[in-house]
Amino acid sequence: GLYKRYGAVLTVREISFRIRRGEV
């Protein structure tokens, strides 16, 4: 659930993922 805000600007929202061994 990553969000990044700069002041009033939301640059990324609700970023979720996972990487296991052997995955690209």
PDB file of all heavy atoms in Angstrom:
ATOM      1  N   GLY A   1       0.792  -1.234   0.000  1.00  0.00           N
ATOM      2  CA  GLY A   1       0.000   0.000   0.000  1.00  0.00           C
ATOM      3  C   GLY A   1       0.817   1.273   0.000  1.00  0.00           C
ATOM      4  O   GLY A   1       0.561   2.177   0.804  1.00  0.00           O
ATOM      5  N   LEU A   2       1.770   1.377  -0.917  1.00  0.00           N
ATOM      6  CA  LEU A   2       2.641   2.559  -0.941  1.00  0.00           C
ATOM      7  C   LEU A   2       1.938   3.770  -1.555  1.00  0.00           C
ATOM      8  O   LEU A   2       1.331   3.682  -2.635  1.00  0.00           O
ATOM      9  CB  LEU A   2       3.915   2.268  -1.738  1.00  0.00           C
ATOM     10  CG  LEU A   2       4.849   1.180  -1.203  1.00  0.00           C
ATOM     11  CD1 LEU A   2       6.066   1.059  -2.097  1.00  0.00           C
ATOM     12  CD2 LEU A   2       5.260   1.475   0.231  1.00  0.00           C
ATOM     13  N   TYR A   3       2.065   4.885  -0.850  1.00  0.00           N
ATOM     14  CA  TYR A   3       1.617   6.184  -1.353  1.00  0.00           C
ATOM     15  C   TYR A   3       2.793   7.150  -1.240  1.00  0.00           C
ATOM     16  O   TYR A   3       3.594   7.056  -0.313  1.00  0.00           O
ATOM     17  CB  TYR A   3       0.480   6.756  -0.501  1.00  0.00           C
ATOM     18  CG  TYR A   3      -0.881   6.120  -0.704  1.00  0.00           C
ATOM     19  CD1 TYR A   3      -1.155   4.852  -0.204  1.00  0.00           C
ATOM     20  CD2 TYR A   3      -1.894   6.798  -1.368  1.00  0.00           C
ATOM     21  CE1 TYR A   3      -2.405   4.264  -0.369  1.00  0.00           C
ATOM     22  CE2 TYR A   3      -3.150   6.227  -1.529  1.00  0.00           C
ATOM     23  CZ  TYR A   3      -3.401   4.969  -1.028  1.00  0.00           C
ATOM     24  OH  TYR A   3      -4.640   4.400  -1.196  1.00  0.00           O
ATOM     25  N   LYS A   4       2.867   8.087  -2.173  1.00  0.00           N
ATOM     26  CA  LYS A   4       3.834   9.172  -2.032  1.00  0.00           C
ATOM     27  C   LYS A   4       3.181  10.476  -2.453  1.00  0.00           C
ATOM     28  O   LYS A   4       2.667  10.601  -3.566  1.00  0.00           O
ATOM     29  CB  LYS A   4       5.091   8.916  -2.879  1.00  0.00           C
ATOM     30  CG  LYS A   4       6.186   9.958  -2.622  1.00  0.00           C
ATOM     31  CD  LYS A   4       6.621   9.974  -1.163  1.00  0.00           C
ATOM     32  CE  LYS A   4       7.570  11.113  -0.843  1.00  0.00           C
ATOM     33  NZ  LYS A   4       7.916  11.160   0.597  1.00  0.00           N
ATOM     34  N   ARG A   5       3.228  11.417  -1.521  1.00  0.00           N
ATOM     35  CA  ARG A   5       2.633  12.726  -1.747  1.00  0.00           C
ATOM     36  C   ARG A   5       3.693  13.805  -1.605  1.00  0.00           C
ATOM     37  O   ARG A   5       4.505  13.782  -0.683  1.00  0.00           O
ATOM     38  CB  ARG A   5       1.505  12.956  -0.732  1.00  0.00           C
ATOM     39  CG  ARG A   5       0.743  14.256  -0.910  1.00  0.00           C
ATOM     40  CD  ARG A   5      -0.293  14.424   0.189  1.00  0.00           C
ATOM     41  NE  ARG A   5      -1.322  13.407   0.130  1.00  0.00           N
ATOM     42  CZ  ARG A   5      -2.388  13.487  -0.673  1.00  0.00           C
ATOM     43  NH1 ARG A   5      -2.541  14.540  -1.472  1.00  0.00           N
ATOM     44  NH2 ARG A   5      -3.291  12.532  -0.665  1.00  0.00           N
ATOM     45  N   TYR A   6       3.693  14.752  -2.532  1.00  0.00           N
ATOM     46  CA  TYR A   6       4.531  15.947  -2.432  1.00  0.00           C
ATOM     47  C   TYR A   6       3.586  17.138  -2.307  1.00  0.00           C
ATOM     48  O   TYR A   6       2.993  17.571  -3.297  1.00  0.00           O
ATOM     49  CB  TYR A   6       5.418  16.120  -3.665  1.00  0.00           C
ATOM     50  CG  TYR A   6       6.468  15.046  -3.821  1.00  0.00           C
ATOM     51  CD1 TYR A   6       6.247  13.946  -4.647  1.00  0.00           C
ATOM     52  CD2 TYR A   6       7.681  15.134  -3.150  1.00  0.00           C
ATOM     53  CE1 TYR A   6       7.208  12.963  -4.794  1.00  0.00           C
ATOM     54  CE2 TYR A   6       8.652  14.155  -3.298  1.00  0.00           C
ATOM     55  CZ  TYR A   6       8.414  13.077  -4.120  1.00  0.00           C
ATOM     56  OH  TYR A   6       9.374  12.105  -4.267  1.00  0.00           O
ATOM     57  N   GLY A   7       3.409  17.619  -1.065  1.00  0.00           N
ATOM     58  CA  GLY A   7       2.441  18.689  -0.853  1.00  0.00           C
ATOM     59  C   GLY A   7       1.048  18.175  -1.179  1.00  0.00           C
ATOM     60  O   GLY A   7       0.589  17.162  -0.645  1.00  0.00           O
ATOM     61  N   ALA A   8       0.373  18.860  -2.096  1.00  0.00           N
ATOM     62  CA  ALA A   8      -0.985  18.464  -2.475  1.00  0.00           C
ATOM     63  C   ALA A   8      -0.982  17.446  -3.608  1.00  0.00           C
ATOM     64  O   ALA A   8      -2.030  16.930  -3.992  1.00  0.00           O
ATOM     65  CB  ALA A   8      -1.780  19.699  -2.891  1.00  0.00           C
ATOM     66  N   VAL A   9       0.193  17.145  -4.155  1.00  0.00           N
ATOM     67  CA  VAL A   9       0.271  16.265  -5.333  1.00  0.00           C
ATOM     68  C   VAL A   9       0.554  14.824  -4.903  1.00  0.00           C
ATOM     69  O   VAL A   9       1.560  14.548  -4.242  1.00  0.00           O
ATOM     70  CB  VAL A   9       1.377  16.744  -6.299  1.00  0.00           C
ATOM     71  CG1 VAL A   9       1.460  15.810  -7.508  1.00  0.00           C
ATOM     72  CG2 VAL A   9       1.124  18.183  -6.736  1.00  0.00           C
ATOM     73  N   LEU A  10      -0.333  13.933  -5.286  1.00  0.00           N
ATOM     74  CA  LEU A  10      -0.172  12.509  -4.998  1.00  0.00           C
ATOM     75  C   LEU A  10       0.452  11.863  -6.231  1.00  0.00           C
ATOM     76  O   LEU A  10      -0.186  11.749  -7.280  1.00  0.00           O
ATOM     77  CB  LEU A  10      -1.531  11.868  -4.698  1.00  0.00           C
ATOM     78  CG  LEU A  10      -1.536  10.444  -4.163  1.00  0.00           C
ATOM     79  CD1 LEU A  10      -0.816  10.346  -2.822  1.00  0.00           C
ATOM     80  CD2 LEU A  10      -2.971   9.930  -4.032  1.00  0.00           C
ATOM     81  N   THR A  11       1.726  11.449  -6.123  1.00  0.00           N
ATOM     82  CA  THR A  11       2.436  10.936  -7.303  1.00  0.00           C
ATOM     83  C   THR A  11       2.225   9.439  -7.511  1.00  0.00           C
ATOM     84  O   THR A  11       2.183   8.979  -8.649  1.00  0.00           O
ATOM     85  CB  THR A  11       3.945  11.225  -7.200  1.00  0.00           C
ATOM     86  OG1 THR A  11       4.452  10.674  -5.980  1.00  0.00           O
ATOM     87  CG2 THR A  11       4.214  12.713  -7.233  1.00  0.00           C
ATOM     88  N   VAL A  12       2.149   8.662  -6.433  1.00  0.00           N
ATOM     89  CA  VAL A  12       1.799   7.239  -6.553  1.00  0.00           C
ATOM     90  C   VAL A  12       0.820   6.878  -5.449  1.00  0.00           C
ATOM     91  O   VAL A  12       0.845   7.466  -4.362  1.00  0.00           O
ATOM     92  CB  VAL A  12       3.034   6.306  -6.487  1.00  0.00           C
ATOM     93  CG1 VAL A  12       3.982   6.557  -7.639  1.00  0.00           C
ATOM     94  CG2 VAL A  12       3.765   6.428  -5.182  1.00  0.00           C
ATOM     95  N   ARG A  13      -0.041   5.899  -5.721  1.00  0.00           N
ATOM     96  CA  ARG A  13      -1.052   5.523  -4.731  1.00  0.00           C
ATOM     97  C   ARG A  13      -1.364   4.034  -4.808  1.00  0.00           C
ATOM     98  O   ARG A  13      -1.430   3.450  -5.887  1.00  0.00           O
ATOM     99  CB  ARG A  13      -2.334   6.343  -4.926  1.00  0.00           C
ATOM    100  CG  ARG A  13      -3.012   6.161  -6.269  1.00  0.00           C
ATOM    101  CD  ARG A  13      -4.157   7.161  -6.438  1.00  0.00           C
ATOM    102  NE  ARG A  13      -4.890   6.974  -7.673  1.00  0.00           N
ATOM    103  CZ  ARG A  13      -4.502   7.422  -8.851  1.00  0.00           C
ATOM    104  NH1 ARG A  13      -3.375   8.076  -8.984  1.00  0.00           N
ATOM    105  NH2 ARG A  13      -5.247   7.217  -9.922  1.00  0.00           N
ATOM    106  N   GLU A  14      -1.506   3.448  -3.626  1.00  0.00           N
ATOM    107  CA  GLU A  14      -1.925   2.053  -3.456  1.00  0.00           C
ATOM    108  C   GLU A  14      -1.094   1.091  -4.306  1.00  0.00           C
ATOM    109  O   GLU A  14      -1.626   0.269  -5.051  1.00  0.00           O
ATOM    110  CB  GLU A  14      -3.414   1.905  -3.805  1.00  0.00           C
ATOM    111  CG  GLU A  14      -4.066   0.650  -3.234  1.00  0.00           C
ATOM    112  CD  GLU A  14      -3.892   0.507  -1.715  1.00  0.00           C
ATOM    113  OE1 GLU A  14      -4.209   1.452  -0.985  1.00  0.00           O
ATOM    114  OE2 GLU A  14      -3.402  -0.546  -1.293  1.00  0.00           O
ATOM    115  N   ILE A  15       0.221   1.194  -4.149  1.00  0.00           N
ATOM    116  CA  ILE A  15       1.126   0.307  -4.881  1.00  0.00           C
ATOM    117  C   ILE A  15       1.479  -0.883  -3.991  1.00  0.00           C
ATOM    118  O   ILE A  15       2.077  -0.721  -2.926  1.00  0.00           O
ATOM    119  CB  ILE A  15       2.420   1.042  -5.297  1.00  0.00           C
ATOM    120  CG1 ILE A  15       2.099   2.277  -6.139  1.00  0.00           C
ATOM    121  CG2 ILE A  15       3.353   0.080  -6.028  1.00  0.00           C
ATOM    122  CD1 ILE A  15       1.425   1.993  -7.457  1.00  0.00           C
ATOM    123  N   SER A  16       1.106  -2.067  -4.432  1.00  0.00           N
ATOM    124  CA  SER A  16       1.426  -3.291  -3.694  1.00  0.00           C
ATOM    125  C   SER A  16       1.928  -4.345  -4.672  1.00  0.00           C
ATOM    126  O   SER A  16       1.381  -4.492  -5.766  1.00  0.00           O
ATOM    127  CB  SER A  16       0.193  -3.827  -2.963  1.00  0.00           C
ATOM    128  OG  SER A  16      -0.252  -2.911  -1.978  1.00  0.00           O
ATOM    129  N   PHE A  17       2.972  -5.054  -4.282  1.00  0.00           N
ATOM    130  CA  PHE A  17       3.478  -6.175  -5.067  1.00  0.00           C
ATOM    131  C   PHE A  17       4.421  -6.979  -4.186  1.00  0.00           C
ATOM    132  O   PHE A  17       4.835  -6.539  -3.120  1.00  0.00           O
ATOM    133  CB  PHE A  17       4.206  -5.706  -6.338  1.00  0.00           C
ATOM    134  CG  PHE A  17       5.352  -4.766  -6.085  1.00  0.00           C
ATOM    135  CD1 PHE A  17       6.600  -5.227  -5.683  1.00  0.00           C
ATOM    136  CD2 PHE A  17       5.193  -3.394  -6.261  1.00  0.00           C
ATOM    137  CE1 PHE A  17       7.650  -4.358  -5.442  1.00  0.00           C
ATOM    138  CE2 PHE A  17       6.241  -2.520  -6.026  1.00  0.00           C
ATOM    139  CZ  PHE A  17       7.477  -3.006  -5.619  1.00  0.00           C
ATOM    140  N   ARG A  18       4.777  -8.172  -4.648  1.00  0.00           N
ATOM    141  CA  ARG A  18       5.770  -8.997  -3.954  1.00  0.00           C
ATOM    142  C   ARG A  18       6.638  -9.694  -4.987  1.00  0.00           C
ATOM    143  O   ARG A  18       6.181 -10.004  -6.095  1.00  0.00           O
ATOM    144  CB  ARG A  18       5.095 -10.004  -3.024  1.00  0.00           C
ATOM    145  CG  ARG A  18       4.173 -10.982  -3.686  1.00  0.00           C
ATOM    146  CD  ARG A  18       3.626 -12.004  -2.687  1.00  0.00           C
ATOM    147  NE  ARG A  18       2.875 -11.356  -1.621  1.00  0.00           N
ATOM    148  CZ  ARG A  18       1.568 -11.164  -1.642  1.00  0.00           C
ATOM    149  NH1 ARG A  18       0.859 -11.542  -2.703  1.00  0.00           N
ATOM    150  NH2 ARG A  18       0.958 -10.600  -0.632  1.00  0.00           N
ATOM    151  N   ILE A  19       7.884  -9.921  -4.620  1.00  0.00           N
ATOM    152  CA  ILE A  19       8.821 -10.643  -5.491  1.00  0.00           C
ATOM    153  C   ILE A  19       9.448 -11.768  -4.670  1.00  0.00           C
ATOM    154  O   ILE A  19      10.050 -11.512  -3.622  1.00  0.00           O
ATOM    155  CB  ILE A  19       9.935  -9.732  -6.037  1.00  0.00           C
ATOM    156  CG1 ILE A  19       9.369  -8.418  -6.580  1.00  0.00           C
ATOM    157  CG2 ILE A  19      10.719 -10.454  -7.134  1.00  0.00           C
ATOM    158  CD1 ILE A  19      10.439  -7.423  -6.993  1.00  0.00           C
ATOM    159  N   ARG A  20       9.304 -12.976  -5.157  1.00  0.00           N
ATOM    160  CA  ARG A  20       9.913 -14.130  -4.491  1.00  0.00           C
ATOM    161  C   ARG A  20      11.198 -14.529  -5.216  1.00  0.00           C
ATOM    162  O   ARG A  20      11.488 -14.040  -6.305  1.00  0.00           O
ATOM    163  CB  ARG A  20       8.931 -15.300  -4.460  1.00  0.00           C
ATOM    164  CG  ARG A  20       7.706 -15.024  -3.577  1.00  0.00           C
ATOM    165  CD  ARG A  20       6.820 -16.256  -3.449  1.00  0.00           C
ATOM    166  NE  ARG A  20       5.762 -16.042  -2.474  1.00  0.00           N
ATOM    167  CZ  ARG A  20       4.585 -15.496  -2.749  1.00  0.00           C
ATOM    168  NH1 ARG A  20       4.317 -15.098  -3.978  1.00  0.00           N
ATOM    169  NH2 ARG A  20       3.683 -15.324  -1.798  1.00  0.00           N
ATOM    170  N   ARG A  21      11.945 -15.418  -4.590  1.00  0.00           N
ATOM    171  CA  ARG A  21      13.177 -15.926  -5.207  1.00  0.00           C
ATOM    172  C   ARG A  21      12.875 -16.481  -6.595  1.00  0.00           C
ATOM    173  O   ARG A  21      11.903 -17.214  -6.780  1.00  0.00           O
ATOM    174  CB  ARG A  21      13.783 -17.029  -4.348  1.00  0.00           C
ATOM    175  CG  ARG A  21      14.475 -16.536  -3.086  1.00  0.00           C
ATOM    176  CD  ARG A  21      14.847 -17.711  -2.178  1.00  0.00           C
ATOM    177  NE  ARG A  21      15.556 -18.764  -2.891  1.00  0.00           N
ATOM    178  CZ  ARG A  21      16.877 -18.796  -3.106  1.00  0.00           C
ATOM    179  NH1 ARG A  21      17.632 -17.818  -2.631  1.00  0.00           N
ATOM    180  NH2 ARG A  21      17.439 -19.784  -3.766  1.00  0.00           N
ATOM    181  N   GLY A  22      13.705 -16.100  -7.551  1.00  0.00           N
ATOM    182  CA  GLY A  22      13.548 -16.613  -8.907  1.00  0.00           C
ATOM    183  C   GLY A  22      12.570 -15.841  -9.770  1.00  0.00           C
ATOM    184  O   GLY A  22      12.356 -16.196 -10.932  1.00  0.00           O
ATOM    185  N   GLU A  23      11.969 -14.796  -9.214  1.00  0.00           N
ATOM    186  CA  GLU A  23      10.989 -14.006  -9.975  1.00  0.00           C
ATOM    187  C   GLU A  23      11.606 -12.705 -10.469  1.00  0.00           C
ATOM    188  O   GLU A  23      12.439 -12.096  -9.805  1.00  0.00           O
ATOM    189  CB  GLU A  23       9.760 -13.712  -9.122  1.00  0.00           C
ATOM    190  CG  GLU A  23       8.945 -14.949  -8.779  1.00  0.00           C
ATOM    191  CD  GLU A  23       7.710 -14.653  -7.955  1.00  0.00           C
ATOM    192  OE1 GLU A  23       7.573 -13.524  -7.433  1.00  0.00           O
ATOM    193  OE2 GLU A  23       6.885 -15.576  -7.819  1.00  0.00           O
ATOM    194  N   VAL A  24      11.137 -12.277 -11.652  1.00  0.00           N
ATOM    195  CA  VAL A  24      11.510 -10.974 -12.211  1.00  0.00           C
ATOM    196  C   VAL A  24      10.221 -10.179 -12.381  1.00  0.00           C
ATOM    197  O   VAL A  24       9.379 -10.517 -13.225  1.00  0.00           O
ATOM    198  CB  VAL A  24      12.218 -11.112 -13.572  1.00  0.00           C
ATOM    199  CG1 VAL A  24      12.645  -9.738 -14.090  1.00  0.00           C
ATOM    200  CG2 VAL A  24      13.426 -12.033 -13.475  1.00  0.00           C
TER     201      VAL A  24
END
